[in-house]
């Protein structure tokens, strides 16, 4: 609902950099109200309100957050407890608005929607963990990576030897602009692995600090 009736609250909290910690549970459906299509439901998804298949393009929560000027943006999977806990701790310590999208299974109305990201047999090929200052590498044998071809990202094979780690895109969560984070937010299955981790964390004045400074002045 943060992307539906709560959309204005969501984008303006991010824009103002208010000291809120927003955790968005994304199971691609309205599970609590018994299975209606939501703003993140996939094209073609059949629900109680879309019995012939959803025709609304879904929101990309990370891209929306970055577009609204968020200073901390991250994504995790609900069953990956260690990484989720680490991201929530970083979000809690961030000064200003912190946004964490949690990809969460709904076993009643959208069971298995993130199976590729959680199944041990497929998860290493289906997701890529963002690490600040490190090249984008993934795969069960860590033999695949992502590089830029002009402004277009592409998956490359490291095992063949034609592409080296030095050729890969290096993640910078503290980049001055949101461009790199936004580019990474566009990586979607099945063409690309799904990025998890911190897309962006930068230090900017928090709304409440600016308010206090103005009042004091």
C-alpha atoms as a PDB file:
ATOM      1  CA  UNK A   1       0.000   0.000   0.000  1.00  0.00           C
ATOM      2  CA  UNK A   2       3.009   2.319   0.281  1.00  0.00           C
ATOM      3  CA  UNK A   3       2.919   2.415  -3.514  1.00  0.00           C
ATOM      4  CA  UNK A   4      -0.878   2.835  -3.764  1.00  0.00           C
ATOM      5  CA  UNK A   5      -2.957   4.871  -1.305  1.00  0.00           C
ATOM      6  CA  UNK A   6       0.221   5.585   0.673  1.00  0.00           C
ATOM      7  CA  UNK A   7       2.175   6.709  -2.389  1.00  0.00           C
ATOM      8  CA  UNK A   8       2.242  10.420  -1.556  1.00  0.00           C
ATOM      9  CA  UNK A   9       3.399   9.755   1.992  1.00  0.00           C
ATOM     10  CA  UNK A  10       6.081   7.435   0.639  1.00  0.00           C
ATOM     11  CA  UNK A  11       7.647   9.695  -1.985  1.00  0.00           C
ATOM     12  CA  UNK A  12       7.522  12.864   0.122  1.00  0.00           C
ATOM     13  CA  UNK A  13       9.064  11.212   3.168  1.00  0.00           C
ATOM     14  CA  UNK A  14      11.921  10.142   0.900  1.00  0.00           C
ATOM     15  CA  UNK A  15      12.133  13.543  -0.765  1.00  0.00           C
ATOM     16  CA  UNK A  16      12.331  15.372   2.561  1.00  0.00           C
ATOM     17  CA  UNK A  17      14.775  12.874   4.098  1.00  0.00           C
ATOM     18  CA  UNK A  18      12.722  12.615   7.282  1.00  0.00           C
ATOM     19  CA  UNK A  19      14.126  10.308   9.948  1.00  0.00           C
ATOM     20  CA  UNK A  20      11.826   7.397   9.122  1.00  0.00           C
ATOM     21  CA  UNK A  21      12.748   3.773   8.460  1.00  0.00           C
ATOM     22  CA  UNK A  22      10.435   2.350   5.806  1.00  0.00           C
ATOM     23  CA  UNK A  23      10.314  -1.434   5.380  1.00  0.00           C
ATOM     24  CA  UNK A  24       8.192  -2.418   2.388  1.00  0.00           C
ATOM     25  CA  UNK A  25       7.095  -6.070   2.340  1.00  0.00           C
ATOM     26  CA  UNK A  26       6.690  -6.904  -1.329  1.00  0.00           C
ATOM     27  CA  UNK A  27       4.860 -10.166  -2.025  1.00  0.00           C
ATOM     28  CA  UNK A  28       3.427  -8.948  -5.329  1.00  0.00           C
ATOM     29  CA  UNK A  29      -0.155  -9.202  -4.088  1.00  0.00           C
ATOM     30  CA  UNK A  30      -2.577  -7.874  -1.452  1.00  0.00           C
ATOM     31  CA  UNK A  31      -2.344 -10.905   0.809  1.00  0.00           C
ATOM     32  CA  UNK A  32      -3.925  -9.450   3.938  1.00  0.00           C
ATOM     33  CA  UNK A  33      -7.126  -8.536   2.089  1.00  0.00           C
ATOM     34  CA  UNK A  34      -7.375 -11.939   0.403  1.00  0.00           C
ATOM     35  CA  UNK A  35      -5.518 -11.840  -2.847  1.00  0.00           C
ATOM     36  CA  UNK A  36      -6.182  -8.753  -4.959  1.00  0.00           C
ATOM     37  CA  UNK A  37      -3.689  -7.398  -7.477  1.00  0.00           C
ATOM     38  CA  UNK A  38      -1.266  -4.871  -6.019  1.00  0.00           C
ATOM     39  CA  UNK A  39       0.994  -2.157  -7.487  1.00  0.00           C
ATOM     40  CA  UNK A  40       3.817  -4.732  -7.682  1.00  0.00           C
ATOM     41  CA  UNK A  41       1.812  -7.595  -9.209  1.00  0.00           C
ATOM     42  CA  UNK A  42       3.413  -8.904 -12.375  1.00  0.00           C
ATOM     43  CA  UNK A  43       1.980  -8.588 -15.868  1.00  0.00           C
ATOM     44  CA  UNK A  44      -0.311 -11.536 -16.515  1.00  0.00           C
ATOM     45  CA  UNK A  45      -0.670 -12.430 -12.820  1.00  0.00           C
ATOM     46  CA  UNK A  46      -4.126 -13.880 -12.112  1.00  0.00           C
ATOM     47  CA  UNK A  47      -5.703 -12.652  -8.881  1.00  0.00           C
ATOM     48  CA  UNK A  48      -9.207 -12.159  -7.516  1.00  0.00           C
ATOM     49  CA  UNK A  49      -9.381  -8.723  -9.134  1.00  0.00           C
ATOM     50  CA  UNK A  50      -7.529  -9.743 -12.316  1.00  0.00           C
ATOM     51  CA  UNK A  51      -8.996 -13.162 -13.196  1.00  0.00           C
ATOM     52  CA  UNK A  52      -7.866 -12.844 -16.819  1.00  0.00           C
ATOM     53  CA  UNK A  53      -4.378 -11.662 -15.908  1.00  0.00           C
ATOM     54  CA  UNK A  54      -3.000  -8.346 -14.666  1.00  0.00           C
ATOM     55  CA  UNK A  55      -2.461  -5.701 -17.374  1.00  0.00           C
ATOM     56  CA  UNK A  56      -1.069  -2.950 -15.123  1.00  0.00           C
ATOM     57  CA  UNK A  57       2.676  -2.458 -15.333  1.00  0.00           C
ATOM     58  CA  UNK A  58       4.138  -3.058 -11.865  1.00  0.00           C
ATOM     59  CA  UNK A  59       6.028  -0.488  -9.852  1.00  0.00           C
ATOM     60  CA  UNK A  60       9.706  -1.113  -9.170  1.00  0.00           C
ATOM     61  CA  UNK A  61       9.939  -0.042  -5.488  1.00  0.00           C
ATOM     62  CA  UNK A  62      13.708   0.532  -5.538  1.00  0.00           C
ATOM     63  CA  UNK A  63      13.489   2.651  -8.685  1.00  0.00           C
ATOM     64  CA  UNK A  64      10.626   4.690  -7.203  1.00  0.00           C
ATOM     65  CA  UNK A  65      12.632   5.308  -4.030  1.00  0.00           C
ATOM     66  CA  UNK A  66      15.715   6.390  -5.951  1.00  0.00           C
ATOM     67  CA  UNK A  67      13.633   8.630  -8.198  1.00  0.00           C
ATOM     68  CA  UNK A  68      12.192  10.334  -5.111  1.00  0.00           C
ATOM     69  CA  UNK A  69      15.701  11.152  -3.890  1.00  0.00           C
ATOM     70  CA  UNK A  70      16.096   8.550  -1.135  1.00  0.00           C
ATOM     71  CA  UNK A  71      19.418   8.655   0.708  1.00  0.00           C
ATOM     72  CA  UNK A  72      19.360   4.982   1.734  1.00  0.00           C
ATOM     73  CA  UNK A  73      17.886   2.276  -0.500  1.00  0.00           C
ATOM     74  CA  UNK A  74      18.281  -1.476  -0.056  1.00  0.00           C
ATOM     75  CA  UNK A  75      16.648  -4.787  -0.978  1.00  0.00           C
ATOM     76  CA  UNK A  76      16.665  -8.183   0.720  1.00  0.00           C
ATOM     77  CA  UNK A  77      14.856 -11.537   0.659  1.00  0.00           C
ATOM     78  CA  UNK A  78      12.799 -12.466   3.709  1.00  0.00           C
ATOM     79  CA  UNK A  79      14.395 -15.898   4.223  1.00  0.00           C
ATOM     80  CA  UNK A  80      17.974 -14.607   3.989  1.00  0.00           C
ATOM     81  CA  UNK A  81      18.009 -13.679   7.657  1.00  0.00           C
ATOM     82  CA  UNK A  82      21.678 -12.754   8.020  1.00  0.00           C
ATOM     83  CA  UNK A  83      21.706 -10.270   5.132  1.00  0.00           C
ATOM     84  CA  UNK A  84      18.262  -8.925   6.039  1.00  0.00           C
ATOM     85  CA  UNK A  85      19.339  -8.279   9.633  1.00  0.00           C
ATOM     86  CA  UNK A  86      22.505  -6.515   8.463  1.00  0.00           C
ATOM     87  CA  UNK A  87      20.535  -4.263   6.099  1.00  0.00           C
ATOM     88  CA  UNK A  88      17.956  -3.398   8.762  1.00  0.00           C
ATOM     89  CA  UNK A  89      20.741  -2.488  11.173  1.00  0.00           C
ATOM     90  CA  UNK A  90      22.331  -0.191   8.589  1.00  0.00           C
ATOM     91  CA  UNK A  91      18.927   1.348   7.872  1.00  0.00           C
ATOM     92  CA  UNK A  92      18.319   1.973  11.574  1.00  0.00           C
ATOM     93  CA  UNK A  93      21.630   3.778  11.925  1.00  0.00           C
ATOM     94  CA  UNK A  94      21.141   5.912   8.803  1.00  0.00           C
ATOM     95  CA  UNK A  95      20.403   9.606   9.421  1.00  0.00           C
ATOM     96  CA  UNK A  96      17.343  10.490   7.367  1.00  0.00           C
ATOM     97  CA  UNK A  97      14.875   8.284   5.545  1.00  0.00           C
ATOM     98  CA  UNK A  98      15.986   4.688   5.010  1.00  0.00           C
ATOM     99  CA  UNK A  99      14.074   2.402   2.641  1.00  0.00           C
ATOM    100  CA  UNK A 100      14.359  -1.385   2.597  1.00  0.00           C
ATOM    101  CA  UNK A 101      12.357  -3.513   0.176  1.00  0.00           C
ATOM    102  CA  UNK A 102      11.865  -7.045   1.500  1.00  0.00           C
ATOM    103  CA  UNK A 103      10.929  -9.639  -1.116  1.00  0.00           C
ATOM    104  CA  UNK A 104       8.457 -11.756   0.838  1.00  0.00           C
ATOM    105  CA  UNK A 105       6.623 -14.933  -0.134  1.00  0.00           C
ATOM    106  CA  UNK A 106       2.850 -15.103   0.322  1.00  0.00           C
ATOM    107  CA  UNK A 107       2.101 -18.805   0.641  1.00  0.00           C
ATOM    108  CA  UNK A 108      -1.667 -18.251   0.413  1.00  0.00           C
ATOM    109  CA  UNK A 109      -2.105 -16.111  -2.700  1.00  0.00           C
ATOM    110  CA  UNK A 110       1.264 -15.884  -4.499  1.00  0.00           C
ATOM    111  CA  UNK A 111       3.244 -18.876  -3.321  1.00  0.00           C
ATOM    112  CA  UNK A 112       6.638 -19.315  -4.935  1.00  0.00           C
ATOM    113  CA  UNK A 113       6.830 -15.847  -6.457  1.00  0.00           C
ATOM    114  CA  UNK A 114      10.484 -15.569  -5.357  1.00  0.00           C
ATOM    115  CA  UNK A 115      11.335 -19.278  -5.492  1.00  0.00           C
ATOM    116  CA  UNK A 116      14.275 -18.737  -7.854  1.00  0.00           C
ATOM    117  CA  UNK A 117      15.864 -16.356  -5.327  1.00  0.00           C
ATOM    118  CA  UNK A 118      15.431 -18.666  -2.350  1.00  0.00           C
ATOM    119  CA  UNK A 119      15.932 -22.187  -3.732  1.00  0.00           C
ATOM    120  CA  UNK A 120      19.481 -23.367  -3.043  1.00  0.00           C
ATOM    121  CA  UNK A 121      19.665 -24.920  -6.498  1.00  0.00           C
ATOM    122  CA  UNK A 122      18.969 -21.655  -8.336  1.00  0.00           C
ATOM    123  CA  UNK A 123      19.548 -18.680  -6.029  1.00  0.00           C
ATOM    124  CA  UNK A 124      23.238 -18.091  -6.822  1.00  0.00           C
ATOM    125  CA  UNK A 125      22.427 -17.743 -10.522  1.00  0.00           C
ATOM    126  CA  UNK A 126      19.212 -15.787  -9.982  1.00  0.00           C
ATOM    127  CA  UNK A 127      20.535 -13.032  -7.706  1.00  0.00           C
ATOM    128  CA  UNK A 128      23.573 -10.837  -7.287  1.00  0.00           C
ATOM    129  CA  UNK A 129      24.678  -9.403  -3.958  1.00  0.00           C
ATOM    130  CA  UNK A 130      25.806  -5.781  -4.173  1.00  0.00           C
ATOM    131  CA  UNK A 131      29.048  -5.085  -2.296  1.00  0.00           C
ATOM    132  CA  UNK A 132      30.478  -1.582  -2.128  1.00  0.00           C
ATOM    133  CA  UNK A 133      33.738  -1.228  -4.043  1.00  0.00           C
ATOM    134  CA  UNK A 134      33.560  -4.718  -5.550  1.00  0.00           C
ATOM    135  CA  UNK A 135      32.856  -5.887  -9.108  1.00  0.00           C
ATOM    136  CA  UNK A 136      29.442  -7.334  -9.900  1.00  0.00           C
ATOM    137  CA  UNK A 137      30.017 -11.100  -9.884  1.00  0.00           C
ATOM    138  CA  UNK A 138      27.473 -13.878  -9.429  1.00  0.00           C
ATOM    139  CA  UNK A 139      26.782 -17.529 -10.201  1.00  0.00           C
ATOM    140  CA  UNK A 140      27.232 -20.808  -8.375  1.00  0.00           C
ATOM    141  CA  UNK A 141      30.888 -20.847  -9.437  1.00  0.00           C
ATOM    142  CA  UNK A 142      31.159 -17.044  -9.376  1.00  0.00           C
ATOM    143  CA  UNK A 143      32.052 -17.199 -13.036  1.00  0.00           C
ATOM    144  CA  UNK A 144      29.589 -14.637 -14.384  1.00  0.00           C
ATOM    145  CA  UNK A 145      29.549 -10.878 -14.108  1.00  0.00           C
ATOM    146  CA  UNK A 146      27.952  -7.657 -15.302  1.00  0.00           C
ATOM    147  CA  UNK A 147      29.744  -5.049 -17.361  1.00  0.00           C
ATOM    148  CA  UNK A 148      28.669  -1.929 -19.188  1.00  0.00           C
ATOM    149  CA  UNK A 149      28.538  -1.903 -22.961  1.00  0.00           C
ATOM    150  CA  UNK A 150      28.244   1.839 -23.445  1.00  0.00           C
ATOM    151  CA  UNK A 151      25.312   2.659 -21.165  1.00  0.00           C
ATOM    152  CA  UNK A 152      23.799  -0.818 -21.449  1.00  0.00           C
ATOM    153  CA  UNK A 153      24.537  -3.495 -18.822  1.00  0.00           C
ATOM    154  CA  UNK A 154      25.199  -7.026 -20.040  1.00  0.00           C
ATOM    155  CA  UNK A 155      25.912 -10.400 -18.479  1.00  0.00           C
ATOM    156  CA  UNK A 156      29.332 -11.812 -19.371  1.00  0.00           C
ATOM    157  CA  UNK A 157      31.095 -15.144 -18.856  1.00  0.00           C
ATOM    158  CA  UNK A 158      34.312 -14.945 -16.846  1.00  0.00           C
ATOM    159  CA  UNK A 159      35.201 -18.613 -17.294  1.00  0.00           C
ATOM    160  CA  UNK A 160      35.973 -18.230 -21.000  1.00  0.00           C
ATOM    161  CA  UNK A 161      38.802 -15.821 -20.222  1.00  0.00           C
ATOM    162  CA  UNK A 162      37.858 -13.168 -22.764  1.00  0.00           C
ATOM    163  CA  UNK A 163      36.439 -10.949 -19.985  1.00  0.00           C
ATOM    164  CA  UNK A 164      38.317 -10.223 -16.752  1.00  0.00           C
ATOM    165  CA  UNK A 165      37.103  -9.018 -13.377  1.00  0.00           C
ATOM    166  CA  UNK A 166      38.737  -5.681 -14.139  1.00  0.00           C
ATOM    167  CA  UNK A 167      36.274  -5.239 -17.020  1.00  0.00           C
ATOM    168  CA  UNK A 168      33.219  -5.540 -14.786  1.00  0.00           C
ATOM    169  CA  UNK A 169      31.029  -2.805 -13.347  1.00  0.00           C
ATOM    170  CA  UNK A 170      32.117  -1.914  -9.803  1.00  0.00           C
ATOM    171  CA  UNK A 171      29.427  -1.058  -7.277  1.00  0.00           C
ATOM    172  CA  UNK A 172      29.574   2.343  -5.574  1.00  0.00           C
ATOM    173  CA  UNK A 173      26.742   2.790  -3.087  1.00  0.00           C
ATOM    174  CA  UNK A 174      28.014   6.256  -2.172  1.00  0.00           C
ATOM    175  CA  UNK A 175      27.996   7.713  -5.687  1.00  0.00           C
ATOM    176  CA  UNK A 176      26.998  11.377  -5.698  1.00  0.00           C
ATOM    177  CA  UNK A 177      24.090  10.820  -8.074  1.00  0.00           C
ATOM    178  CA  UNK A 178      21.477   8.084  -8.081  1.00  0.00           C
ATOM    179  CA  UNK A 179      22.291   7.023 -11.654  1.00  0.00           C
ATOM    180  CA  UNK A 180      24.232   3.858 -10.844  1.00  0.00           C
ATOM    181  CA  UNK A 181      21.676   2.711  -8.291  1.00  0.00           C
ATOM    182  CA  UNK A 182      18.868   3.355 -10.759  1.00  0.00           C
ATOM    183  CA  UNK A 183      20.674   1.407 -13.471  1.00  0.00           C
ATOM    184  CA  UNK A 184      21.060  -1.542 -11.088  1.00  0.00           C
ATOM    185  CA  UNK A 185      17.401  -1.305 -10.105  1.00  0.00           C
ATOM    186  CA  UNK A 186      16.494  -2.012 -13.746  1.00  0.00           C
ATOM    187  CA  UNK A 187      18.216  -5.401 -13.746  1.00  0.00           C
ATOM    188  CA  UNK A 188      15.345  -7.869 -13.768  1.00  0.00           C
ATOM    189  CA  UNK A 189      14.888 -11.587 -14.324  1.00  0.00           C
ATOM    190  CA  UNK A 190      15.199 -13.556 -16.473  1.00  0.00           C
ATOM    191  CA  UNK A 191      17.731 -11.526 -18.479  1.00  0.00           C
ATOM    192  CA  UNK A 192      19.658 -10.447 -15.387  1.00  0.00           C
ATOM    193  CA  UNK A 193      20.148 -11.616 -11.815  1.00  0.00           C
ATOM    194  CA  UNK A 194      18.104  -9.689  -9.242  1.00  0.00           C
ATOM    195  CA  UNK A 195      20.317  -7.280  -7.242  1.00  0.00           C
ATOM    196  CA  UNK A 196      20.172  -7.522  -3.445  1.00  0.00           C
ATOM    197  CA  UNK A 197      21.901  -5.325  -0.877  1.00  0.00           C
ATOM    198  CA  UNK A 198      22.417  -1.577  -0.610  1.00  0.00           C
ATOM    199  CA  UNK A 199      21.824   0.314  -3.848  1.00  0.00           C
ATOM    200  CA  UNK A 200      22.594   3.734  -2.403  1.00  0.00           C
ATOM    201  CA  UNK A 201      23.660   5.293   0.890  1.00  0.00           C
ATOM    202  CA  UNK A 202      24.686   8.936   1.013  1.00  0.00           C
ATOM    203  CA  UNK A 203      24.844  11.570   3.732  1.00  0.00           C
ATOM    204  CA  UNK A 204      22.539  14.554   3.293  1.00  0.00           C
ATOM    205  CA  UNK A 205      20.892  16.863   5.868  1.00  0.00           C
ATOM    206  CA  UNK A 206      17.944  15.227   7.613  1.00  0.00           C
ATOM    207  CA  UNK A 207      14.660  17.128   7.622  1.00  0.00           C
ATOM    208  CA  UNK A 208      14.436  17.330  11.413  1.00  0.00           C
ATOM    209  CA  UNK A 209      17.980  18.741  11.636  1.00  0.00           C
ATOM    210  CA  UNK A 210      17.164  21.440   9.086  1.00  0.00           C
ATOM    211  CA  UNK A 211      13.981  22.233  11.026  1.00  0.00           C
ATOM    212  CA  UNK A 212      15.871  22.573  14.298  1.00  0.00           C
ATOM    213  CA  UNK A 213      18.550  24.745  12.677  1.00  0.00           C
ATOM    214  CA  UNK A 214      15.909  27.032  11.157  1.00  0.00           C
ATOM    215  CA  UNK A 215      14.089  27.364  14.474  1.00  0.00           C
ATOM    216  CA  UNK A 216      17.326  28.182  16.272  1.00  0.00           C
ATOM    217  CA  UNK A 217      18.271  30.789  13.666  1.00  0.00           C
END
